[in-house]
C-alpha atoms as a PDB file:
ATOM      1  CA  MET A   1     -16.493   7.290   7.962  1.00  0.00           C
ATOM      2  CA  ARG A   2     -14.714   4.871  10.248  1.00  0.00           C
ATOM      3  CA  ILE A   3     -11.553   2.974   9.331  1.00  0.00           C
ATOM      4  CA  SER A   4     -11.110  -0.373  11.051  1.00  0.00           C
ATOM      5  CA  ARG A   5      -8.244  -0.176  13.525  1.00  0.00           C
ATOM      6  CA  LYS A   6      -7.346  -3.797  12.874  1.00  0.00           C
ATOM      7  CA  LYS A   7      -7.446  -3.500   9.075  1.00  0.00           C
ATOM      8  CA  LEU A   8      -5.357  -0.314   9.153  1.00  0.00           C
ATOM      9  CA  ALA A   9      -2.759  -1.908  11.432  1.00  0.00           C
ATOM     10  CA  THR A  10      -2.610  -4.997   9.228  1.00  0.00           C
ATOM     11  CA  ALA A  11      -2.168  -2.917   6.053  1.00  0.00           C
ATOM     12  CA  MET A  12       0.594  -0.892   7.695  1.00  0.00           C
ATOM     13  CA  ILE A  13       2.395  -4.032   8.889  1.00  0.00           C
ATOM     14  CA  ASP A  14       2.022  -5.746   5.499  1.00  0.00           C
ATOM     15  CA  ARG A  15       3.670  -2.742   3.825  1.00  0.00           C
ATOM     16  CA  ASP A  16       6.229  -2.166   6.605  1.00  0.00           C
ATOM     17  CA  VAL A  17       5.001   1.405   7.111  1.00  0.00           C
ATOM     18  CA  ASN A  18       5.016   3.264  10.417  1.00  0.00           C
ATOM     19  CA  VAL A  19       2.819   6.227  11.368  1.00  0.00           C
ATOM     20  CA  LEU A  20       5.424   8.833  10.384  1.00  0.00           C
ATOM     21  CA  GLN A  21       5.894   7.256   6.957  1.00  0.00           C
ATOM     22  CA  LEU A  22       2.147   6.950   6.424  1.00  0.00           C
ATOM     23  CA  SER A  23       1.717  10.583   7.416  1.00  0.00           C
ATOM     24  CA  GLU A  24       4.360  11.685   4.912  1.00  0.00           C
ATOM     25  CA  ARG A  25       2.973   9.523   2.108  1.00  0.00           C
ATOM     26  CA  SER A  26      -0.670  10.399   2.651  1.00  0.00           C
ATOM     27  CA  GLY A  27      -0.429  14.030   3.693  1.00  0.00           C
ATOM     28  CA  VAL A  28      -2.523  13.231   6.773  1.00  0.00           C
ATOM     29  CA  SER A  29      -1.144  14.540  10.065  1.00  0.00           C
ATOM     30  CA  ARG A  30       0.233  12.164  12.667  1.00  0.00           C
ATOM     31  CA  ALA A  31      -2.348  13.501  15.126  1.00  0.00           C
ATOM     32  CA  THR A  32      -5.182  12.610  12.751  1.00  0.00           C
ATOM     33  CA  LEU A  33      -3.695   9.166  12.148  1.00  0.00           C
ATOM     34  CA  ALA A  34      -3.407   8.640  15.906  1.00  0.00           C
ATOM     35  CA  ALA A  35      -7.071   9.573  16.313  1.00  0.00           C
ATOM     36  CA  ILE A  36      -8.098   7.189  13.529  1.00  0.00           C
ATOM     37  CA  ARG A  37      -5.975   4.417  15.036  1.00  0.00           C
ATOM     38  CA  SER A  38      -7.739   4.948  18.360  1.00  0.00           C
ATOM     39  CA  GLY A  39     -11.153   4.481  16.739  1.00  0.00           C
ATOM     40  CA  LYS A  40     -12.241   7.992  15.777  1.00  0.00           C
ATOM     41  CA  SER A  41     -14.057   8.569  12.495  1.00  0.00           C
ATOM     42  CA  CYS A  42     -12.663  10.681   9.659  1.00  0.00           C
ATOM     43  CA  ALA A  43     -13.730  12.404   6.468  1.00  0.00           C
ATOM     44  CA  GLU A  44     -13.991  10.299   3.329  1.00  0.00           C
ATOM     45  CA  CYS A  45     -11.219  12.299   1.642  1.00  0.00           C
ATOM     46  CA  THR A  46      -8.896  11.549   4.576  1.00  0.00           C
ATOM     47  CA  ALA A  47      -9.692   7.851   4.415  1.00  0.00           C
ATOM     48  CA  GLN A  48      -9.068   7.876   0.663  1.00  0.00           C
ATOM     49  CA  LYS A  49      -5.635   9.498   1.117  1.00  0.00           C
ATOM     50  CA  ILE A  50      -4.685   6.812   3.621  1.00  0.00           C
ATOM     51  CA  ALA A  51      -5.880   4.015   1.341  1.00  0.00           C
ATOM     52  CA  GLU A  52      -3.970   5.450  -1.616  1.00  0.00           C
ATOM     53  CA  ALA A  53      -0.798   5.829   0.456  1.00  0.00           C
ATOM     54  CA  LEU A  54      -1.078   2.174   1.452  1.00  0.00           C
ATOM     55  CA  GLY A  55      -1.942   1.042  -2.074  1.00  0.00           C
ATOM     56  CA  VAL A  56      -5.249  -0.538  -1.083  1.00  0.00           C
ATOM     57  CA  GLU A  57      -8.903  -0.020  -1.928  1.00  0.00           C
ATOM     58  CA  LEU A  58     -10.717   2.232   0.512  1.00  0.00           C
ATOM     59  CA  GLU A  59     -13.398  -0.398   1.091  1.00  0.00           C
ATOM     60  CA  SER A  60     -10.769  -2.838   2.356  1.00  0.00           C
ATOM     61  CA  LEU A  61      -9.996  -0.522   5.303  1.00  0.00           C
ATOM     62  CA  LEU A  62     -13.518   0.347   6.382  1.00  0.00           C
ATOM     63  CA  GLU A  63     -15.322  -1.069   9.390  1.00  0.00           C
ATOM     64  CA  ARG A  64     -18.309  -3.199   8.545  1.00  0.00           C
ATOM     65  CA  ASN A  65     -21.545  -2.353  10.289  1.00  0.00           C
ATOM     66  CA  LEU A  66     -23.251  -5.615  11.072  1.00  0.00           C
END
């Protein structure tokens, strides 16, 4: 599952959350968040934790395959 780098950055900015705060809130390591922010894919459960920590629907963070 791939989270859109742009959508993740926008959600973090909108909520005034940095990587350390997102890591603490989601339980996802900073290293994993860094990998996701650089375009790597992740497990669905990881993506769900991030979405919940940001208070958004998972689908709103996912990349669209056109």
